[in-house]
Amino acid sequence: MKLDLSFLHNKFGIIFEVGLLKEIIEFGTYMEVEEGFTLMRPGGFIRSVPIILNGSVKIVRSDADGREALLYYLGEKDSCAMSLTCCLNSRKSEITAITDSPTQLIQVPVHKIEEWMTKYSSWKEYVFMTYQKRFDDLLAAIDQIAFFKLDERLIALLKKKSVQCGCSVFNVTHEELGNELATSREVISRLLKQLERLGRVKLSRNKIELLDVALK
């Protein structure tokens, strides 16, 4: 798909002024990627920053042993605060960004990020809003770890996935959920079986259905 002013105005007209939308068309790169596509890896320099049009991207951080913990999700109209921070400070990436569903996005080259900060007030506000949203997400993640039991964190994660995809059935393995919650596949399997007995989820091969009672 070729980016045009009408499409972007429908998406971002309330957020960005026309001049900025025209520059996004001129300098941005439109991408369509499938679920499971890696947009960013730790150790790489950030050469572009994503703006999500549709779909979902999960941002995870890994330790030295390769264990992962979910930081936050990106959805429609979101950008990645970690990417913005790295590119504005010429730092290497410290996170992994993976699409959680088929995703449409625009990649904005890093040399435009700082330029637009001074040129367009709407872009500056968007960047600050992005930082605030991600800060709130990280506070929520800390609260989950500090104050909630693992089964409650698992339900919260499934609810978040439901919001991101607009669905209640997920094609996800127990190992993937374990990685996102920084625990083992065996622990997740045990907790999911408990939740199934309680009528909160329905399990099938590589699929989990979040039932109505769990959404309340």
C-alpha atoms as a PDB file:
ATOM      1  CA  MET A   1       0.000   0.000   0.000  1.00  0.00           C
ATOM      2  CA  LYS A   2       1.216   3.489  -0.840  1.00  0.00           C
ATOM      3  CA  LEU A   3       0.872   6.101   1.871  1.00  0.00           C
ATOM      4  CA  ASP A   4      -1.299   9.087   0.990  1.00  0.00           C
ATOM      5  CA  LEU A   5      -2.436  12.210   2.806  1.00  0.00           C
ATOM      6  CA  SER A   6      -6.081  11.157   3.019  1.00  0.00           C
ATOM      7  CA  PHE A   7      -5.219   7.837   4.701  1.00  0.00           C
ATOM      8  CA  LEU A   8      -2.846   9.420   7.232  1.00  0.00           C
ATOM      9  CA  HIS A   9      -5.224  12.292   7.915  1.00  0.00           C
ATOM     10  CA  ASN A  10      -7.954   9.797   8.799  1.00  0.00           C
ATOM     11  CA  LYS A  11      -5.531   8.042  11.159  1.00  0.00           C
ATOM     12  CA  PHE A  12      -3.610  10.948  12.676  1.00  0.00           C
ATOM     13  CA  GLY A  13      -5.410  14.146  11.665  1.00  0.00           C
ATOM     14  CA  ILE A  14      -6.378  14.882  15.257  1.00  0.00           C
ATOM     15  CA  ILE A  15      -2.798  14.278  16.418  1.00  0.00           C
ATOM     16  CA  PHE A  16      -0.516  15.617  13.652  1.00  0.00           C
ATOM     17  CA  GLU A  17      -0.705  18.775  11.521  1.00  0.00           C
ATOM     18  CA  VAL A  18      -0.786  18.491   7.738  1.00  0.00           C
ATOM     19  CA  GLY A  19       2.866  19.537   7.296  1.00  0.00           C
ATOM     20  CA  LEU A  20       4.027  16.671   9.481  1.00  0.00           C
ATOM     21  CA  LEU A  21       1.757  14.181   7.716  1.00  0.00           C
ATOM     22  CA  LYS A  22       3.302  15.213   4.391  1.00  0.00           C
ATOM     23  CA  GLU A  23       6.804  14.643   5.773  1.00  0.00           C
ATOM     24  CA  ILE A  24       5.804  11.220   7.121  1.00  0.00           C
ATOM     25  CA  ILE A  25       4.678  10.324   3.587  1.00  0.00           C
ATOM     26  CA  GLU A  26       7.914  11.682   2.110  1.00  0.00           C
ATOM     27  CA  PHE A  27      10.387  10.119   4.521  1.00  0.00           C
ATOM     28  CA  GLY A  28       8.522   7.232   6.161  1.00  0.00           C
ATOM     29  CA  THR A  29       8.570   3.637   4.927  1.00  0.00           C
ATOM     30  CA  TYR A  30       5.337   1.641   4.966  1.00  0.00           C
ATOM     31  CA  MET A  31       5.606  -2.014   6.048  1.00  0.00           C
ATOM     32  CA  GLU A  32       3.243  -4.967   6.355  1.00  0.00           C
ATOM     33  CA  VAL A  33       4.632  -7.808   8.461  1.00  0.00           C
ATOM     34  CA  GLU A  34       3.289 -11.115   9.702  1.00  0.00           C
ATOM     35  CA  GLU A  35       2.942 -12.265  13.294  1.00  0.00           C
ATOM     36  CA  GLY A  36       6.292 -13.185  14.839  1.00  0.00           C
ATOM     37  CA  PHE A  37       8.377 -10.746  12.775  1.00  0.00           C
ATOM     38  CA  THR A  38      11.308  -9.250  14.719  1.00  0.00           C
ATOM     39  CA  LEU A  39      11.521  -5.489  14.229  1.00  0.00           C
ATOM     40  CA  MET A  40      14.320  -4.856  16.682  1.00  0.00           C
ATOM     41  CA  ARG A  41      16.977  -6.865  18.538  1.00  0.00           C
ATOM     42  CA  PRO A  42      19.230  -6.039  21.495  1.00  0.00           C
ATOM     43  CA  GLY A  43      22.636  -4.668  20.534  1.00  0.00           C
ATOM     44  CA  GLY A  44      21.584  -3.166  17.216  1.00  0.00           C
ATOM     45  CA  PHE A  45      21.604   0.537  16.477  1.00  0.00           C
ATOM     46  CA  ILE A  46      18.162   2.055  15.983  1.00  0.00           C
ATOM     47  CA  ARG A  47      17.894   3.274  12.390  1.00  0.00           C
ATOM     48  CA  SER A  48      14.146   3.881  12.354  1.00  0.00           C
ATOM     49  CA  VAL A  49      11.281   4.230  14.805  1.00  0.00           C
ATOM     50  CA  PRO A  50       7.933   2.477  14.209  1.00  0.00           C
ATOM     51  CA  ILE A  51       4.516   4.104  14.228  1.00  0.00           C
ATOM     52  CA  ILE A  52       1.860   1.390  14.380  1.00  0.00           C
ATOM     53  CA  LEU A  53      -1.088   1.717  12.004  1.00  0.00           C
ATOM     54  CA  ASN A  54      -2.803  -1.592  12.783  1.00  0.00           C
ATOM     55  CA  GLY A  55      -1.847  -4.730  14.683  1.00  0.00           C
ATOM     56  CA  SER A  56       0.199  -5.346  17.783  1.00  0.00           C
ATOM     57  CA  VAL A  57       3.882  -5.362  18.733  1.00  0.00           C
ATOM     58  CA  LYS A  58       5.249  -6.672  22.019  1.00  0.00           C
ATOM     59  CA  ILE A  59       8.363  -5.188  23.595  1.00  0.00           C
ATOM     60  CA  VAL A  60      10.415  -7.609  25.698  1.00  0.00           C
ATOM     61  CA  ARG A  61      13.713  -7.405  27.556  1.00  0.00           C
ATOM     62  CA  SER A  62      16.127 -10.342  27.920  1.00  0.00           C
ATOM     63  CA  ASP A  63      18.682 -11.151  30.607  1.00  0.00           C
ATOM     64  CA  ALA A  64      22.156 -12.639  30.102  1.00  0.00           C
ATOM     65  CA  ASP A  65      20.688 -16.170  30.113  1.00  0.00           C
ATOM     66  CA  GLY A  66      18.191 -15.375  27.386  1.00  0.00           C
ATOM     67  CA  ARG A  67      15.154 -15.264  29.660  1.00  0.00           C
ATOM     68  CA  GLU A  68      12.595 -12.698  28.579  1.00  0.00           C
ATOM     69  CA  ALA A  69      10.156 -10.431  30.385  1.00  0.00           C
ATOM     70  CA  LEU A  70       7.322  -8.540  28.725  1.00  0.00           C
ATOM     71  CA  LEU A  71       7.584  -4.760  29.130  1.00  0.00           C
ATOM     72  CA  TYR A  72       4.576  -3.514  27.173  1.00  0.00           C
ATOM     73  CA  TYR A  73       2.535  -3.779  23.989  1.00  0.00           C
ATOM     74  CA  LEU A  74       2.241  -1.301  21.126  1.00  0.00           C
ATOM     75  CA  GLY A  75      -1.075  -0.914  19.338  1.00  0.00           C
ATOM     76  CA  GLU A  76      -2.712   1.411  16.830  1.00  0.00           C
ATOM     77  CA  LYS A  77      -1.134   4.922  16.693  1.00  0.00           C
ATOM     78  CA  ASP A  78       1.547   3.917  19.216  1.00  0.00           C
ATOM     79  CA  SER A  79       5.301   4.278  18.921  1.00  0.00           C
ATOM     80  CA  CYS A  80       8.088   2.753  21.007  1.00  0.00           C
ATOM     81  CA  ALA A  81       9.513   4.919  23.777  1.00  0.00           C
ATOM     82  CA  MET A  82      12.601   2.715  24.089  1.00  0.00           C
ATOM     83  CA  SER A  83      13.337   3.200  20.382  1.00  0.00           C
ATOM     84  CA  LEU A  84      12.873   6.954  20.683  1.00  0.00           C
ATOM     85  CA  THR A  85      15.229   7.077  23.664  1.00  0.00           C
ATOM     86  CA  CYS A  86      17.902   5.039  21.906  1.00  0.00           C
ATOM     87  CA  CYS A  87      17.815   7.011  18.675  1.00  0.00           C
ATOM     88  CA  LEU A  88      17.828  10.420  20.396  1.00  0.00           C
ATOM     89  CA  ASN A  89      20.832   9.353  22.479  1.00  0.00           C
ATOM     90  CA  SER A  90      22.594   7.287  19.757  1.00  0.00           C
ATOM     91  CA  ARG A  91      22.396   4.176  21.932  1.00  0.00           C
ATOM     92  CA  LYS A  92      22.078   0.561  20.905  1.00  0.00           C
ATOM     93  CA  SER A  93      18.788  -1.207  21.401  1.00  0.00           C
ATOM     94  CA  GLU A  94      18.241  -2.898  24.760  1.00  0.00           C
ATOM     95  CA  ILE A  95      14.941  -4.531  23.837  1.00  0.00           C
ATOM     96  CA  THR A  96      13.371  -6.930  21.366  1.00  0.00           C
ATOM     97  CA  ALA A  97      10.307  -5.839  19.385  1.00  0.00           C
ATOM     98  CA  ILE A  98       8.219  -8.660  17.879  1.00  0.00           C
ATOM     99  CA  THR A  99       4.878  -8.421  16.101  1.00  0.00           C
ATOM    100  CA  ASP A 100       2.151 -10.191  18.058  1.00  0.00           C
ATOM    101  CA  SER A 101      -0.251 -10.222  15.105  1.00  0.00           C
ATOM    102  CA  PRO A 102      -0.161  -9.205  11.416  1.00  0.00           C
ATOM    103  CA  THR A 103       0.864  -5.567  11.620  1.00  0.00           C
ATOM    104  CA  GLN A 104       0.939  -2.463   9.428  1.00  0.00           C
ATOM    105  CA  LEU A 105       3.393   0.249  10.406  1.00  0.00           C
ATOM    106  CA  ILE A 106       5.463   3.192   9.238  1.00  0.00           C
ATOM    107  CA  GLN A 107       9.199   3.262   9.911  1.00  0.00           C
ATOM    108  CA  VAL A 108      10.447   6.820  10.480  1.00  0.00           C
ATOM    109  CA  PRO A 109      14.205   7.380   9.944  1.00  0.00           C
ATOM    110  CA  VAL A 110      16.060   8.445  13.090  1.00  0.00           C
ATOM    111  CA  HIS A 111      17.445  11.656  11.589  1.00  0.00           C
ATOM    112  CA  LYS A 112      13.895  12.997  11.375  1.00  0.00           C
ATOM    113  CA  ILE A 113      12.957  12.276  14.999  1.00  0.00           C
ATOM    114  CA  GLU A 114      14.963  15.117  16.552  1.00  0.00           C
ATOM    115  CA  GLU A 115      14.323  17.486  13.654  1.00  0.00           C
ATOM    116  CA  TRP A 116      10.553  17.100  14.040  1.00  0.00           C
ATOM    117  CA  MET A 117      10.835  17.696  17.806  1.00  0.00           C
ATOM    118  CA  THR A 118      11.726  21.337  17.128  1.00  0.00           C
ATOM    119  CA  LYS A 119       9.795  21.753  13.886  1.00  0.00           C
ATOM    120  CA  TYR A 120       6.368  20.377  14.845  1.00  0.00           C
ATOM    121  CA  SER A 121       4.738  20.921  18.230  1.00  0.00           C
ATOM    122  CA  SER A 122       2.372  18.005  17.571  1.00  0.00           C
ATOM    123  CA  TRP A 123       5.321  15.607  17.151  1.00  0.00           C
ATOM    124  CA  LYS A 124       6.895  16.855  20.385  1.00  0.00           C
ATOM    125  CA  GLU A 125       3.596  16.282  22.204  1.00  0.00           C
ATOM    126  CA  TYR A 126       3.296  12.830  20.607  1.00  0.00           C
ATOM    127  CA  VAL A 127       6.782  11.841  21.794  1.00  0.00           C
ATOM    128  CA  PHE A 128       6.070  13.071  25.332  1.00  0.00           C
ATOM    129  CA  MET A 129       2.713  11.262  25.325  1.00  0.00           C
ATOM    130  CA  THR A 130       4.501   8.097  24.177  1.00  0.00           C
ATOM    131  CA  TYR A 131       6.953   8.365  27.066  1.00  0.00           C
ATOM    132  CA  GLN A 132       4.083   8.885  29.527  1.00  0.00           C
ATOM    133  CA  LYS A 133       2.100   5.884  28.226  1.00  0.00           C
ATOM    134  CA  ARG A 134       5.113   3.602  28.385  1.00  0.00           C
ATOM    135  CA  PHE A 135       6.029   4.893  31.859  1.00  0.00           C
ATOM    136  CA  ASP A 136       2.484   4.050  32.994  1.00  0.00           C
ATOM    137  CA  ASP A 137       2.828   0.597  31.387  1.00  0.00           C
ATOM    138  CA  LEU A 138       6.099  -0.030  33.227  1.00  0.00           C
ATOM    139  CA  LEU A 139       4.596   1.089  36.542  1.00  0.00           C
ATOM    140  CA  ALA A 140       1.714  -1.322  35.943  1.00  0.00           C
ATOM    141  CA  ALA A 141       4.211  -4.105  35.187  1.00  0.00           C
ATOM    142  CA  ILE A 142       6.098  -3.381  38.422  1.00  0.00           C
ATOM    143  CA  ASP A 143       2.820  -3.400  40.354  1.00  0.00           C
ATOM    144  CA  GLN A 144       1.933  -6.766  38.828  1.00  0.00           C
ATOM    145  CA  ILE A 145       5.250  -8.273  39.919  1.00  0.00           C
ATOM    146  CA  ALA A 146       5.259  -6.696  43.376  1.00  0.00           C
ATOM    147  CA  PHE A 147       1.637  -7.003  44.439  1.00  0.00           C
ATOM    148  CA  PHE A 148      -0.071  -9.771  42.453  1.00  0.00           C
ATOM    149  CA  LYS A 149       0.246 -13.533  42.449  1.00  0.00           C
ATOM    150  CA  LEU A 150       1.316 -15.258  39.262  1.00  0.00           C
ATOM    151  CA  ASP A 151      -2.161 -16.555  38.399  1.00  0.00           C
ATOM    152  CA  GLU A 152      -3.509 -12.989  38.628  1.00  0.00           C
ATOM    153  CA  ARG A 153      -0.664 -11.753  36.416  1.00  0.00           C
ATOM    154  CA  LEU A 154      -1.448 -14.479  33.893  1.00  0.00           C
ATOM    155  CA  ILE A 155      -5.113 -13.473  33.684  1.00  0.00           C
ATOM    156  CA  ALA A 156      -4.064  -9.809  33.376  1.00  0.00           C
ATOM    157  CA  LEU A 157      -1.739 -10.735  30.492  1.00  0.00           C
ATOM    158  CA  LEU A 158      -4.498 -12.659  28.700  1.00  0.00           C
ATOM    159  CA  LYS A 159      -6.858  -9.709  29.145  1.00  0.00           C
ATOM    160  CA  LYS A 160      -4.218  -7.407  27.686  1.00  0.00           C
ATOM    161  CA  LYS A 161      -3.816  -9.722  24.704  1.00  0.00           C
ATOM    162  CA  SER A 162      -7.596  -9.703  24.285  1.00  0.00           C
ATOM    163  CA  VAL A 163      -7.633  -5.900  24.149  1.00  0.00           C
ATOM    164  CA  GLN A 164      -4.709  -5.798  21.708  1.00  0.00           C
ATOM    165  CA  CYS A 165      -6.182  -8.262  19.205  1.00  0.00           C
ATOM    166  CA  GLY A 166      -9.885  -7.569  19.812  1.00  0.00           C
ATOM    167  CA  CYS A 167     -10.439 -11.292  20.296  1.00  0.00           C
ATOM    168  CA  SER A 168     -10.787 -13.865  23.066  1.00  0.00           C
ATOM    169  CA  VAL A 169      -8.942 -16.805  21.459  1.00  0.00           C
ATOM    170  CA  PHE A 170      -5.134 -16.697  21.243  1.00  0.00           C
ATOM    171  CA  ASN A 171      -2.701 -18.802  19.232  1.00  0.00           C
ATOM    172  CA  VAL A 172      -0.018 -18.847  21.887  1.00  0.00           C
ATOM    173  CA  THR A 173       2.070 -21.566  23.514  1.00  0.00           C
ATOM    174  CA  HIS A 174       2.568 -22.047  27.227  1.00  0.00           C
ATOM    175  CA  GLU A 175       6.274 -21.450  26.683  1.00  0.00           C
ATOM    176  CA  GLU A 176       5.614 -18.058  25.084  1.00  0.00           C
ATOM    177  CA  LEU A 177       3.425 -17.035  28.025  1.00  0.00           C
ATOM    178  CA  GLY A 178       6.126 -18.239  30.401  1.00  0.00           C
ATOM    179  CA  ASN A 179       8.691 -16.082  28.627  1.00  0.00           C
ATOM    180  CA  GLU A 180       6.467 -13.029  28.847  1.00  0.00           C
ATOM    181  CA  LEU A 181       5.930 -13.547  32.580  1.00  0.00           C
ATOM    182  CA  ALA A 182       9.554 -14.585  33.258  1.00  0.00           C
ATOM    183  CA  THR A 183       8.614 -18.044  34.492  1.00  0.00           C
ATOM    184  CA  SER A 184       8.698 -21.608  33.159  1.00  0.00           C
ATOM    185  CA  ARG A 185       6.395 -23.370  30.723  1.00  0.00           C
ATOM    186  CA  GLU A 186       5.564 -25.950  33.397  1.00  0.00           C
ATOM    187  CA  VAL A 187       4.360 -23.288  35.819  1.00  0.00           C
ATOM    188  CA  ILE A 188       2.174 -21.684  33.145  1.00  0.00           C
ATOM    189  CA  SER A 189       0.695 -25.063  32.178  1.00  0.00           C
ATOM    190  CA  ARG A 190      -0.188 -25.782  35.801  1.00  0.00           C
ATOM    191  CA  LEU A 191      -1.781 -22.353  36.281  1.00  0.00           C
ATOM    192  CA  LEU A 192      -3.779 -22.611  33.052  1.00  0.00           C
ATOM    193  CA  LYS A 193      -5.166 -25.984  34.095  1.00  0.00           C
ATOM    194  CA  GLN A 194      -6.240 -24.431  37.400  1.00  0.00           C
ATOM    195  CA  LEU A 195      -7.882 -21.541  35.554  1.00  0.00           C
ATOM    196  CA  GLU A 196      -9.646 -24.015  33.242  1.00  0.00           C
ATOM    197  CA  ARG A 197     -11.040 -25.892  36.218  1.00  0.00           C
ATOM    198  CA  LEU A 198     -12.315 -22.549  37.538  1.00  0.00           C
ATOM    199  CA  GLY A 199     -14.056 -21.874  34.227  1.00  0.00           C
ATOM    200  CA  ARG A 200     -11.961 -18.833  33.343  1.00  0.00           C
ATOM    201  CA  VAL A 201     -10.205 -20.240  30.259  1.00  0.00           C
ATOM    202  CA  LYS A 202     -10.672 -23.061  27.761  1.00  0.00           C
ATOM    203  CA  LEU A 203      -7.553 -24.862  26.548  1.00  0.00           C
ATOM    204  CA  SER A 204      -6.794 -26.611  23.249  1.00  0.00           C
ATOM    205  CA  ARG A 205      -3.593 -27.286  21.318  1.00  0.00           C
ATOM    206  CA  ASN A 206      -1.596 -24.022  21.153  1.00  0.00           C
ATOM    207  CA  LYS A 207      -4.836 -22.117  21.720  1.00  0.00           C
ATOM    208  CA  ILE A 208      -6.290 -20.454  24.796  1.00  0.00           C
ATOM    209  CA  GLU A 209      -9.810 -19.040  24.963  1.00  0.00           C
ATOM    210  CA  LEU A 210     -10.452 -16.407  27.595  1.00  0.00           C
ATOM    211  CA  LEU A 211     -14.015 -17.024  28.798  1.00  0.00           C
ATOM    212  CA  ASP A 212     -16.537 -14.301  29.641  1.00  0.00           C
ATOM    213  CA  VAL A 213     -16.211 -14.757  33.399  1.00  0.00           C
ATOM    214  CA  ALA A 214     -12.496 -13.898  33.192  1.00  0.00           C
ATOM    215  CA  LEU A 215     -13.172 -10.673  31.286  1.00  0.00           C
ATOM    216  CA  LYS A 216     -15.213  -9.153  34.111  1.00  0.00           C
END
